[in-house]
Amino acid sequence: MRFDQRIVMVTGAAGNLGRAVAAAFEALGATVVRLGRKDPIEHALERHGRVDVLCNIAGAFRMGKPLHETTDADWDFLFDANAKTVLNTCRAVVPSMIANGGGKIVNVGAYAALKGAAQMGAYVASKSAVIRITETMAAELRDKNINVNCVLPSIIDTPENRAAMPKADPGRWVSTQDLAAVIVFLASDAARAIHGAAIPVTGLA
Protein backbone atom coordinates (compact mmCIF):
# COMPACT_ATOMS: atom_id res chain seq x y z
CA MET A 1 0.00 0.00 0.00
CA ARG A 2 1.79 3.08 -1.29
CA PHE A 3 0.77 6.70 -1.88
CA ASP A 4 3.57 7.77 -4.20
CA GLN A 5 2.64 10.77 -6.35
CA ARG A 6 -0.55 11.34 -4.37
CA ILE A 7 -1.43 14.59 -2.64
CA VAL A 8 -2.85 14.10 0.85
CA MET A 9 -4.38 17.07 2.69
CA VAL A 10 -4.56 16.81 6.47
CA THR A 11 -6.51 19.36 8.50
CA GLY A 12 -5.68 19.80 12.17
CA ALA A 13 -2.14 18.80 11.26
CA ALA A 14 -0.65 20.48 14.34
CA GLY A 15 -2.57 18.21 16.72
CA ASN A 16 -1.55 14.82 18.06
CA LEU A 17 -3.66 12.81 15.63
CA GLY A 18 -2.97 15.15 12.72
CA ARG A 19 0.78 14.71 13.16
CA ALA A 20 0.43 10.93 13.32
CA VAL A 21 -1.74 10.83 10.19
CA ALA A 22 0.62 13.09 8.25
CA ALA A 23 3.62 10.98 9.27
CA ALA A 24 1.88 7.74 8.29
CA PHE A 25 1.12 9.00 4.80
CA GLU A 26 4.60 10.44 4.34
CA ALA A 27 6.11 7.09 5.29
CA LEU A 28 4.13 5.58 2.41
CA GLY A 29 5.40 8.09 -0.14
CA ALA A 30 2.61 10.69 -0.16
CA THR A 31 3.08 14.41 -0.53
CA VAL A 32 1.30 15.71 2.56
CA VAL A 33 -0.29 19.16 2.75
CA ARG A 34 -0.54 20.03 6.43
CA LEU A 35 -3.22 22.56 7.30
CA GLY A 36 -3.43 24.41 10.60
CA ARG A 37 -6.10 26.81 11.76
CA LYS A 38 -4.89 29.76 9.69
CA ASP A 39 -3.85 28.00 6.47
CA PRO A 40 -6.09 28.84 3.46
CA ILE A 41 -7.20 25.70 1.65
CA GLU A 42 -7.48 27.56 -1.65
CA HIS A 43 -3.78 28.48 -1.57
CA ALA A 44 -2.84 24.85 -0.96
CA LEU A 45 -5.01 23.75 -3.88
CA GLU A 46 -3.44 26.33 -6.16
CA ARG A 47 0.06 25.29 -5.12
CA HIS A 48 -0.44 21.54 -5.62
CA GLY A 49 -3.11 21.55 -8.31
CA ARG A 50 -5.20 18.77 -6.83
CA VAL A 51 -5.96 16.75 -3.69
CA ASP A 52 -6.20 12.97 -3.94
CA VAL A 53 -6.97 12.34 -0.27
CA LEU A 54 -8.63 14.68 2.24
CA CYS A 55 -8.34 13.78 5.92
CA ASN A 56 -10.57 15.95 8.09
CA ILE A 57 -8.78 15.62 11.43
CA ALA A 58 -9.49 19.08 12.88
CA GLY A 59 -11.98 19.08 15.73
CA ALA A 60 -12.52 19.75 19.41
CA PHE A 61 -13.83 18.14 22.58
CA ARG A 62 -15.44 19.90 25.49
CA MET A 63 -17.56 18.59 28.33
CA GLY A 64 -20.55 20.79 29.01
CA LYS A 65 -23.50 21.55 31.22
CA PRO A 66 -26.80 19.68 31.01
CA LEU A 67 -28.31 20.25 27.59
CA HIS A 68 -31.01 22.60 28.86
CA GLU A 69 -28.27 24.82 30.31
CA THR A 70 -26.03 24.74 27.22
CA THR A 71 -25.43 28.20 25.78
CA ASP A 72 -25.54 29.07 22.09
CA ALA A 73 -21.84 29.91 22.33
CA ASP A 74 -20.90 26.44 23.59
CA TRP A 75 -23.18 24.74 21.06
CA ASP A 76 -21.82 26.81 18.19
CA PHE A 77 -18.21 26.28 19.25
CA LEU A 78 -18.44 22.51 18.94
CA PHE A 79 -20.52 22.51 15.76
CA ASP A 80 -18.10 24.96 14.16
CA ALA A 81 -15.06 22.94 15.25
CA ASN A 82 -16.42 19.48 14.41
CA ALA A 83 -19.04 19.76 11.68
CA LYS A 84 -18.54 23.07 9.90
CA THR A 85 -14.82 22.42 9.41
CA VAL A 86 -15.71 19.26 7.49
CA LEU A 87 -18.20 21.14 5.34
CA ASN A 88 -15.80 23.97 4.62
CA THR A 89 -12.92 21.75 3.54
CA CYS A 90 -15.18 19.55 1.44
CA ARG A 91 -16.69 22.58 -0.29
CA ALA A 92 -13.19 23.66 -1.24
CA VAL A 93 -11.75 20.28 -2.23
CA VAL A 94 -14.54 18.16 -3.72
CA PRO A 95 -14.95 20.15 -6.97
CA SER A 96 -11.29 19.55 -7.80
CA MET A 97 -11.61 15.87 -6.89
CA ILE A 98 -14.53 15.54 -9.29
CA ALA A 99 -12.60 17.38 -12.01
CA ASN A 100 -9.60 15.08 -11.51
CA GLY A 101 -11.60 11.86 -11.62
CA GLY A 102 -11.98 10.89 -7.98
CA GLY A 103 -10.46 10.80 -4.53
CA LYS A 104 -10.85 9.72 -0.92
CA ILE A 105 -12.26 11.62 2.05
CA VAL A 106 -11.86 10.39 5.62
CA ASN A 107 -13.58 12.24 8.46
CA VAL A 108 -13.14 11.85 12.21
CA GLY A 109 -16.35 11.31 14.14
CA ALA A 110 -16.47 9.85 17.64
CA TYR A 111 -17.58 6.56 19.15
CA ALA A 112 -19.40 8.60 21.79
CA ALA A 113 -21.59 10.03 19.04
CA LEU A 114 -23.46 6.74 18.66
CA LYS A 115 -25.66 7.61 21.64
CA GLY A 116 -26.41 10.49 23.96
CA ALA A 117 -24.42 11.08 27.12
CA ALA A 118 -24.85 13.40 30.09
CA GLN A 119 -22.92 16.68 29.95
CA MET A 120 -21.84 15.87 26.38
CA GLY A 121 -24.90 16.97 24.41
CA ALA A 122 -23.26 19.51 22.12
CA TYR A 123 -20.21 17.32 21.50
CA VAL A 124 -22.26 14.20 20.78
CA ALA A 125 -24.60 16.12 18.49
CA SER A 126 -21.76 17.73 16.55
CA LYS A 127 -19.94 14.44 16.02
CA SER A 128 -23.23 12.75 15.10
CA ALA A 129 -23.55 15.39 12.41
CA VAL A 130 -20.15 14.31 11.07
CA ILE A 131 -21.47 10.76 10.65
CA ARG A 132 -24.57 11.96 8.79
CA ILE A 133 -22.45 14.29 6.64
CA THR A 134 -20.20 11.35 5.79
CA GLU A 135 -23.13 9.14 4.80
CA THR A 136 -24.75 11.88 2.74
CA MET A 137 -21.60 12.80 0.86
CA ALA A 138 -20.86 9.13 0.21
CA ALA A 139 -24.27 8.75 -1.42
CA GLU A 140 -23.74 11.88 -3.48
CA LEU A 141 -20.17 11.20 -4.58
CA ARG A 142 -19.79 7.44 -4.96
CA ASP A 143 -20.62 7.63 -8.66
CA LYS A 144 -17.92 10.30 -9.02
CA ASN A 145 -15.28 7.78 -7.87
CA ILE A 146 -14.97 9.50 -4.50
CA ASN A 147 -15.07 7.40 -1.33
CA VAL A 148 -16.27 9.16 1.82
CA ASN A 149 -15.95 7.37 5.16
CA CYS A 150 -15.30 8.19 8.81
CA VAL A 151 -13.67 6.70 11.88
CA LEU A 152 -15.22 6.68 15.34
CA PRO A 153 -12.46 6.65 17.95
CA SER A 154 -13.03 6.21 21.64
CA ILE A 155 -10.52 7.90 23.95
CA ILE A 156 -7.31 8.67 22.08
CA ASP A 157 -4.02 8.27 23.92
CA THR A 158 -2.64 11.80 24.00
CA PRO A 159 -0.63 13.74 26.59
CA GLU A 160 -3.66 15.93 27.22
CA ASN A 161 -5.95 12.96 27.93
CA ARG A 162 -3.34 11.36 30.19
CA ALA A 163 -3.12 14.59 32.18
CA ALA A 164 -6.91 14.92 32.38
CA MET A 165 -7.43 11.29 33.48
CA PRO A 166 -4.34 10.35 35.52
CA LYS A 167 -5.98 7.29 37.11
CA ALA A 168 -7.10 5.75 33.81
CA ASP A 169 -5.21 3.03 31.96
CA PRO A 170 -4.05 4.56 28.65
CA GLY A 171 -3.12 1.09 27.46
CA ARG A 172 -6.83 0.55 26.84
CA TRP A 173 -7.18 3.68 24.74
CA VAL A 174 -6.52 4.11 21.03
CA SER A 175 -3.03 5.19 20.05
CA THR A 176 -2.70 7.91 17.44
CA GLN A 177 -0.63 5.54 15.32
CA ASP A 178 -3.31 2.83 15.35
CA LEU A 179 -6.02 5.32 14.48
CA ALA A 180 -3.85 6.76 11.71
CA ALA A 181 -3.43 3.25 10.29
CA VAL A 182 -7.20 2.87 9.91
CA ILE A 183 -7.44 6.29 8.25
CA VAL A 184 -4.65 5.34 5.84
CA PHE A 185 -6.48 2.11 4.96
CA LEU A 186 -9.71 3.98 4.20
CA ALA A 187 -7.72 6.29 1.91
CA SER A 188 -6.13 3.39 0.05
CA ASP A 189 -7.19 1.52 -3.06
CA ALA A 190 -7.94 -1.49 -0.85
CA ALA A 191 -10.96 0.42 0.50
CA ARG A 192 -12.37 1.28 -2.93
CA ALA A 193 -15.60 -0.63 -2.21
CA ILE A 194 -16.29 1.11 1.10
CA HIS A 195 -18.70 4.06 0.97
CA GLY A 196 -20.35 5.86 3.89
CA ALA A 197 -18.91 3.66 6.62
CA ALA A 198 -18.56 4.83 10.22
CA ILE A 199 -15.90 2.53 11.64
CA PRO A 200 -15.48 2.23 15.43
CA VAL A 201 -11.83 2.32 16.52
CA THR A 202 -12.01 1.68 20.23
CA GLY A 203 -8.89 -0.19 21.32
CA LEU A 204 -9.71 -2.08 24.51
CA ALA A 205 -12.23 0.47 25.79
C-alpha atoms as a PDB file:
ATOM      1  CA  MET A   1       0.000   0.000   0.000  1.00  0.00           C
ATOM      2  CA  ARG A   2       1.792   3.075  -1.290  1.00  0.00           C
ATOM      3  CA  PHE A   3       0.766   6.697  -1.882  1.00  0.00           C
ATOM      4  CA  ASP A   4       3.569   7.771  -4.200  1.00  0.00           C
ATOM      5  CA  GLN A   5       2.641  10.773  -6.354  1.00  0.00           C
ATOM      6  CA  ARG A   6      -0.553  11.335  -4.372  1.00  0.00           C
ATOM      7  CA  ILE A   7      -1.425  14.592  -2.640  1.00  0.00           C
ATOM      8  CA  VAL A   8      -2.854  14.100   0.850  1.00  0.00           C
ATOM      9  CA  MET A   9      -4.382  17.066   2.686  1.00  0.00           C
ATOM     10  CA  VAL A  10      -4.564  16.812   6.469  1.00  0.00           C
ATOM     11  CA  THR A  11      -6.510  19.361   8.502  1.00  0.00           C
ATOM     12  CA  GLY A  12      -5.680  19.797  12.172  1.00  0.00           C
ATOM     13  CA  ALA A  13      -2.143  18.800  11.263  1.00  0.00           C
ATOM     14  CA  ALA A  14      -0.647  20.478  14.343  1.00  0.00           C
ATOM     15  CA  GLY A  15      -2.566  18.215  16.724  1.00  0.00           C
ATOM     16  CA  ASN A  16      -1.553  14.822  18.064  1.00  0.00           C
ATOM     17  CA  LEU A  17      -3.664  12.813  15.626  1.00  0.00           C
ATOM     18  CA  GLY A  18      -2.967  15.148  12.724  1.00  0.00           C
ATOM     19  CA  ARG A  19       0.783  14.709  13.158  1.00  0.00           C
ATOM     20  CA  ALA A  20       0.432  10.933  13.316  1.00  0.00           C
ATOM     21  CA  VAL A  21      -1.739  10.828  10.188  1.00  0.00           C
ATOM     22  CA  ALA A  22       0.624  13.087   8.245  1.00  0.00           C
ATOM     23  CA  ALA A  23       3.621  10.983   9.271  1.00  0.00           C
ATOM     24  CA  ALA A  24       1.881   7.741   8.294  1.00  0.00           C
ATOM     25  CA  PHE A  25       1.120   9.003   4.797  1.00  0.00           C
ATOM     26  CA  GLU A  26       4.595  10.445   4.342  1.00  0.00           C
ATOM     27  CA  ALA A  27       6.107   7.086   5.295  1.00  0.00           C
ATOM     28  CA  LEU A  28       4.131   5.584   2.409  1.00  0.00           C
ATOM     29  CA  GLY A  29       5.396   8.085  -0.143  1.00  0.00           C
ATOM     30  CA  ALA A  30       2.613  10.688  -0.163  1.00  0.00           C
ATOM     31  CA  THR A  31       3.076  14.407  -0.528  1.00  0.00           C
ATOM     32  CA  VAL A  32       1.298  15.711   2.562  1.00  0.00           C
ATOM     33  CA  VAL A  33      -0.285  19.155   2.746  1.00  0.00           C
ATOM     34  CA  ARG A  34      -0.544  20.030   6.434  1.00  0.00           C
ATOM     35  CA  LEU A  35      -3.225  22.559   7.299  1.00  0.00           C
ATOM     36  CA  GLY A  36      -3.426  24.411  10.596  1.00  0.00           C
ATOM     37  CA  ARG A  37      -6.104  26.810  11.760  1.00  0.00           C
ATOM     38  CA  LYS A  38      -4.888  29.759   9.692  1.00  0.00           C
ATOM     39  CA  ASP A  39      -3.847  27.997   6.470  1.00  0.00           C
ATOM     40  CA  PRO A  40      -6.090  28.844   3.465  1.00  0.00           C
ATOM     41  CA  ILE A  41      -7.201  25.699   1.648  1.00  0.00           C
ATOM     42  CA  GLU A  42      -7.477  27.563  -1.650  1.00  0.00           C
ATOM     43  CA  HIS A  43      -3.782  28.475  -1.572  1.00  0.00           C
ATOM     44  CA  ALA A  44      -2.841  24.854  -0.965  1.00  0.00           C
ATOM     45  CA  LEU A  45      -5.005  23.753  -3.877  1.00  0.00           C
ATOM     46  CA  GLU A  46      -3.439  26.326  -6.161  1.00  0.00           C
ATOM     47  CA  ARG A  47       0.056  25.292  -5.117  1.00  0.00           C
ATOM     48  CA  HIS A  48      -0.439  21.543  -5.625  1.00  0.00           C
ATOM     49  CA  GLY A  49      -3.107  21.548  -8.313  1.00  0.00           C
ATOM     50  CA  ARG A  50      -5.196  18.765  -6.828  1.00  0.00           C
ATOM     51  CA  VAL A  51      -5.955  16.750  -3.690  1.00  0.00           C
ATOM     52  CA  ASP A  52      -6.200  12.971  -3.937  1.00  0.00           C
ATOM     53  CA  VAL A  53      -6.965  12.342  -0.266  1.00  0.00           C
ATOM     54  CA  LEU A  54      -8.630  14.677   2.241  1.00  0.00           C
ATOM     55  CA  CYS A  55      -8.341  13.782   5.916  1.00  0.00           C
ATOM     56  CA  ASN A  56     -10.574  15.951   8.092  1.00  0.00           C
ATOM     57  CA  ILE A  57      -8.780  15.624  11.427  1.00  0.00           C
ATOM     58  CA  ALA A  58      -9.490  19.080  12.881  1.00  0.00           C
ATOM     59  CA  GLY A  59     -11.977  19.076  15.730  1.00  0.00           C
ATOM     60  CA  ALA A  60     -12.525  19.749  19.408  1.00  0.00           C
ATOM     61  CA  PHE A  61     -13.829  18.136  22.581  1.00  0.00           C
ATOM     62  CA  ARG A  62     -15.440  19.901  25.489  1.00  0.00           C
ATOM     63  CA  MET A  63     -17.563  18.593  28.334  1.00  0.00           C
ATOM     64  CA  GLY A  64     -20.555  20.786  29.013  1.00  0.00           C
ATOM     65  CA  LYS A  65     -23.496  21.546  31.222  1.00  0.00           C
ATOM     66  CA  PRO A  66     -26.797  19.683  31.010  1.00  0.00           C
ATOM     67  CA  LEU A  67     -28.314  20.250  27.594  1.00  0.00           C
ATOM     68  CA  HIS A  68     -31.015  22.598  28.864  1.00  0.00           C
ATOM     69  CA  GLU A  69     -28.269  24.823  30.308  1.00  0.00           C
ATOM     70  CA  THR A  70     -26.030  24.745  27.221  1.00  0.00           C
ATOM     71  CA  THR A  71     -25.433  28.203  25.776  1.00  0.00           C
ATOM     72  CA  ASP A  72     -25.536  29.069  22.091  1.00  0.00           C
ATOM     73  CA  ALA A  73     -21.839  29.911  22.325  1.00  0.00           C
ATOM     74  CA  ASP A  74     -20.902  26.437  23.593  1.00  0.00           C
ATOM     75  CA  TRP A  75     -23.175  24.740  21.057  1.00  0.00           C
ATOM     76  CA  ASP A  76     -21.825  26.809  18.192  1.00  0.00           C
ATOM     77  CA  PHE A  77     -18.210  26.284  19.246  1.00  0.00           C
ATOM     78  CA  LEU A  78     -18.435  22.505  18.938  1.00  0.00           C
ATOM     79  CA  PHE A  79     -20.521  22.514  15.763  1.00  0.00           C
ATOM     80  CA  ASP A  80     -18.101  24.965  14.162  1.00  0.00           C
ATOM     81  CA  ALA A  81     -15.065  22.936  15.249  1.00  0.00           C
ATOM     82  CA  ASN A  82     -16.418  19.483  14.413  1.00  0.00           C
ATOM     83  CA  ALA A  83     -19.038  19.764  11.678  1.00  0.00           C
ATOM     84  CA  LYS A  84     -18.535  23.071   9.898  1.00  0.00           C
ATOM     85  CA  THR A  85     -14.820  22.424   9.412  1.00  0.00           C
ATOM     86  CA  VAL A  86     -15.707  19.265   7.489  1.00  0.00           C
ATOM     87  CA  LEU A  87     -18.204  21.141   5.340  1.00  0.00           C
ATOM     88  CA  ASN A  88     -15.801  23.965   4.615  1.00  0.00           C
ATOM     89  CA  THR A  89     -12.917  21.750   3.542  1.00  0.00           C
ATOM     90  CA  CYS A  90     -15.181  19.549   1.444  1.00  0.00           C
ATOM     91  CA  ARG A  91     -16.691  22.577  -0.289  1.00  0.00           C
ATOM     92  CA  ALA A  92     -13.185  23.659  -1.241  1.00  0.00           C
ATOM     93  CA  VAL A  93     -11.751  20.285  -2.230  1.00  0.00           C
ATOM     94  CA  VAL A  94     -14.543  18.161  -3.723  1.00  0.00           C
ATOM     95  CA  PRO A  95     -14.951  20.152  -6.975  1.00  0.00           C
ATOM     96  CA  SER A  96     -11.294  19.554  -7.802  1.00  0.00           C
ATOM     97  CA  MET A  97     -11.614  15.869  -6.890  1.00  0.00           C
ATOM     98  CA  ILE A  98     -14.527  15.543  -9.295  1.00  0.00           C
ATOM     99  CA  ALA A  99     -12.597  17.375 -12.010  1.00  0.00           C
ATOM    100  CA  ASN A 100      -9.603  15.076 -11.506  1.00  0.00           C
ATOM    101  CA  GLY A 101     -11.599  11.858 -11.620  1.00  0.00           C
ATOM    102  CA  GLY A 102     -11.983  10.894  -7.977  1.00  0.00           C
ATOM    103  CA  GLY A 103     -10.461  10.799  -4.534  1.00  0.00           C
ATOM    104  CA  LYS A 104     -10.845   9.725  -0.922  1.00  0.00           C
ATOM    105  CA  ILE A 105     -12.260  11.623   2.052  1.00  0.00           C
ATOM    106  CA  VAL A 106     -11.862  10.392   5.622  1.00  0.00           C
ATOM    107  CA  ASN A 107     -13.577  12.243   8.458  1.00  0.00           C
ATOM    108  CA  VAL A 108     -13.143  11.851  12.213  1.00  0.00           C
ATOM    109  CA  GLY A 109     -16.346  11.305  14.142  1.00  0.00           C
ATOM    110  CA  ALA A 110     -16.468   9.846  17.645  1.00  0.00           C
ATOM    111  CA  TYR A 111     -17.577   6.560  19.147  1.00  0.00           C
ATOM    112  CA  ALA A 112     -19.396   8.595  21.791  1.00  0.00           C
ATOM    113  CA  ALA A 113     -21.589  10.034  19.035  1.00  0.00           C
ATOM    114  CA  LEU A 114     -23.460   6.741  18.664  1.00  0.00           C
ATOM    115  CA  LYS A 115     -25.657   7.614  21.638  1.00  0.00           C
ATOM    116  CA  GLY A 116     -26.408  10.490  23.957  1.00  0.00           C
ATOM    117  CA  ALA A 117     -24.418  11.083  27.115  1.00  0.00           C
ATOM    118  CA  ALA A 118     -24.852  13.397  30.090  1.00  0.00           C
ATOM    119  CA  GLN A 119     -22.919  16.677  29.948  1.00  0.00           C
ATOM    120  CA  MET A 120     -21.841  15.870  26.378  1.00  0.00           C
ATOM    121  CA  GLY A 121     -24.899  16.965  24.412  1.00  0.00           C
ATOM    122  CA  ALA A 122     -23.257  19.510  22.120  1.00  0.00           C
ATOM    123  CA  TYR A 123     -20.214  17.321  21.497  1.00  0.00           C
ATOM    124  CA  VAL A 124     -22.260  14.204  20.778  1.00  0.00           C
ATOM    125  CA  ALA A 125     -24.603  16.116  18.487  1.00  0.00           C
ATOM    126  CA  SER A 126     -21.758  17.730  16.552  1.00  0.00           C
ATOM    127  CA  LYS A 127     -19.940  14.435  16.022  1.00  0.00           C
ATOM    128  CA  SER A 128     -23.229  12.751  15.102  1.00  0.00           C
ATOM    129  CA  ALA A 129     -23.545  15.389  12.408  1.00  0.00           C
ATOM    130  CA  VAL A 130     -20.151  14.307  11.072  1.00  0.00           C
ATOM    131  CA  ILE A 131     -21.472  10.758  10.654  1.00  0.00           C
ATOM    132  CA  ARG A 132     -24.570  11.956   8.788  1.00  0.00           C
ATOM    133  CA  ILE A 133     -22.452  14.292   6.638  1.00  0.00           C
ATOM    134  CA  THR A 134     -20.203  11.352   5.786  1.00  0.00           C
ATOM    135  CA  GLU A 135     -23.125   9.136   4.797  1.00  0.00           C
ATOM    136  CA  THR A 136     -24.749  11.883   2.739  1.00  0.00           C
ATOM    137  CA  MET A 137     -21.596  12.798   0.858  1.00  0.00           C
ATOM    138  CA  ALA A 138     -20.864   9.127   0.213  1.00  0.00           C
ATOM    139  CA  ALA A 139     -24.274   8.746  -1.418  1.00  0.00           C
ATOM    140  CA  GLU A 140     -23.744  11.881  -3.479  1.00  0.00           C
ATOM    141  CA  LEU A 141     -20.169  11.199  -4.579  1.00  0.00           C
ATOM    142  CA  ARG A 142     -19.786   7.445  -4.956  1.00  0.00           C
ATOM    143  CA  ASP A 143     -20.620   7.631  -8.663  1.00  0.00           C
ATOM    144  CA  LYS A 144     -17.917  10.298  -9.017  1.00  0.00           C
ATOM    145  CA  ASN A 145     -15.277   7.782  -7.875  1.00  0.00           C
ATOM    146  CA  ILE A 146     -14.973   9.497  -4.499  1.00  0.00           C
ATOM    147  CA  ASN A 147     -15.072   7.404  -1.328  1.00  0.00           C
ATOM    148  CA  VAL A 148     -16.265   9.162   1.825  1.00  0.00           C
ATOM    149  CA  ASN A 149     -15.949   7.371   5.162  1.00  0.00           C
ATOM    150  CA  CYS A 150     -15.300   8.187   8.811  1.00  0.00           C
ATOM    151  CA  VAL A 151     -13.665   6.702  11.876  1.00  0.00           C
ATOM    152  CA  LEU A 152     -15.219   6.682  15.337  1.00  0.00           C
ATOM    153  CA  PRO A 153     -12.459   6.650  17.952  1.00  0.00           C
ATOM    154  CA  SER A 154     -13.029   6.205  21.644  1.00  0.00           C
ATOM    155  CA  ILE A 155     -10.517   7.901  23.954  1.00  0.00           C
ATOM    156  CA  ILE A 156      -7.306   8.674  22.078  1.00  0.00           C
ATOM    157  CA  ASP A 157      -4.019   8.269  23.917  1.00  0.00           C
ATOM    158  CA  THR A 158      -2.640  11.803  23.998  1.00  0.00           C
ATOM    159  CA  PRO A 159      -0.629  13.737  26.590  1.00  0.00           C
ATOM    160  CA  GLU A 160      -3.658  15.931  27.222  1.00  0.00           C
ATOM    161  CA  ASN A 161      -5.945  12.955  27.932  1.00  0.00           C
ATOM    162  CA  ARG A 162      -3.342  11.362  30.190  1.00  0.00           C
ATOM    163  CA  ALA A 163      -3.121  14.594  32.176  1.00  0.00           C
ATOM    164  CA  ALA A 164      -6.910  14.922  32.383  1.00  0.00           C
ATOM    165  CA  MET A 165      -7.429  11.287  33.480  1.00  0.00           C
ATOM    166  CA  PRO A 166      -4.340  10.350  35.524  1.00  0.00           C
ATOM    167  CA  LYS A 167      -5.979   7.292  37.107  1.00  0.00           C
ATOM    168  CA  ALA A 168      -7.102   5.749  33.809  1.00  0.00           C
ATOM    169  CA  ASP A 169      -5.212   3.028  31.958  1.00  0.00           C
ATOM    170  CA  PRO A 170      -4.053   4.558  28.648  1.00  0.00           C
ATOM    171  CA  GLY A 171      -3.119   1.085  27.460  1.00  0.00           C
ATOM    172  CA  ARG A 172      -6.833   0.549  26.844  1.00  0.00           C
ATOM    173  CA  TRP A 173      -7.177   3.684  24.742  1.00  0.00           C
ATOM    174  CA  VAL A 174      -6.523   4.113  21.028  1.00  0.00           C
ATOM    175  CA  SER A 175      -3.029   5.192  20.052  1.00  0.00           C
ATOM    176  CA  THR A 176      -2.704   7.915  17.442  1.00  0.00           C
ATOM    177  CA  GLN A 177      -0.629   5.535  15.320  1.00  0.00           C
ATOM    178  CA  ASP A 178      -3.310   2.829  15.352  1.00  0.00           C
ATOM    179  CA  LEU A 179      -6.021   5.320  14.476  1.00  0.00           C
ATOM    180  CA  ALA A 180      -3.848   6.761  11.711  1.00  0.00           C
ATOM    181  CA  ALA A 181      -3.431   3.254  10.294  1.00  0.00           C
ATOM    182  CA  VAL A 182      -7.200   2.873   9.912  1.00  0.00           C
ATOM    183  CA  ILE A 183      -7.436   6.290   8.252  1.00  0.00           C
ATOM    184  CA  VAL A 184      -4.651   5.337   5.842  1.00  0.00           C
ATOM    185  CA  PHE A 185      -6.478   2.112   4.961  1.00  0.00           C
ATOM    186  CA  LEU A 186      -9.707   3.984   4.198  1.00  0.00           C
ATOM    187  CA  ALA A 187      -7.715   6.288   1.907  1.00  0.00           C
ATOM    188  CA  SER A 188      -6.133   3.391   0.055  1.00  0.00           C
ATOM    189  CA  ASP A 189      -7.189   1.519  -3.062  1.00  0.00           C
ATOM    190  CA  ALA A 190      -7.935  -1.490  -0.851  1.00  0.00           C
ATOM    191  CA  ALA A 191     -10.964   0.415   0.500  1.00  0.00           C
ATOM    192  CA  ARG A 192     -12.365   1.281  -2.927  1.00  0.00           C
ATOM    193  CA  ALA A 193     -15.604  -0.633  -2.212  1.00  0.00           C
ATOM    194  CA  ILE A 194     -16.290   1.113   1.104  1.00  0.00           C
ATOM    195  CA  HIS A 195     -18.696   4.061   0.970  1.00  0.00           C
ATOM    196  CA  GLY A 196     -20.349   5.860   3.886  1.00  0.00           C
ATOM    197  CA  ALA A 197     -18.907   3.662   6.618  1.00  0.00           C
ATOM    198  CA  ALA A 198     -18.560   4.831  10.220  1.00  0.00           C
ATOM    199  CA  ILE A 199     -15.902   2.535  11.639  1.00  0.00           C
ATOM    200  CA  PRO A 200     -15.483   2.229  15.427  1.00  0.00           C
ATOM    201  CA  VAL A 201     -11.827   2.316  16.522  1.00  0.00           C
ATOM    202  CA  THR A 202     -12.012   1.677  20.232  1.00  0.00           C
ATOM    203  CA  GLY A 203      -8.891  -0.188  21.315  1.00  0.00           C
ATOM    204  CA  LEU A 204      -9.713  -2.078  24.510  1.00  0.00           C
ATOM    205  CA  ALA A 205     -12.229   0.466  25.785  1.00  0.00           C
END
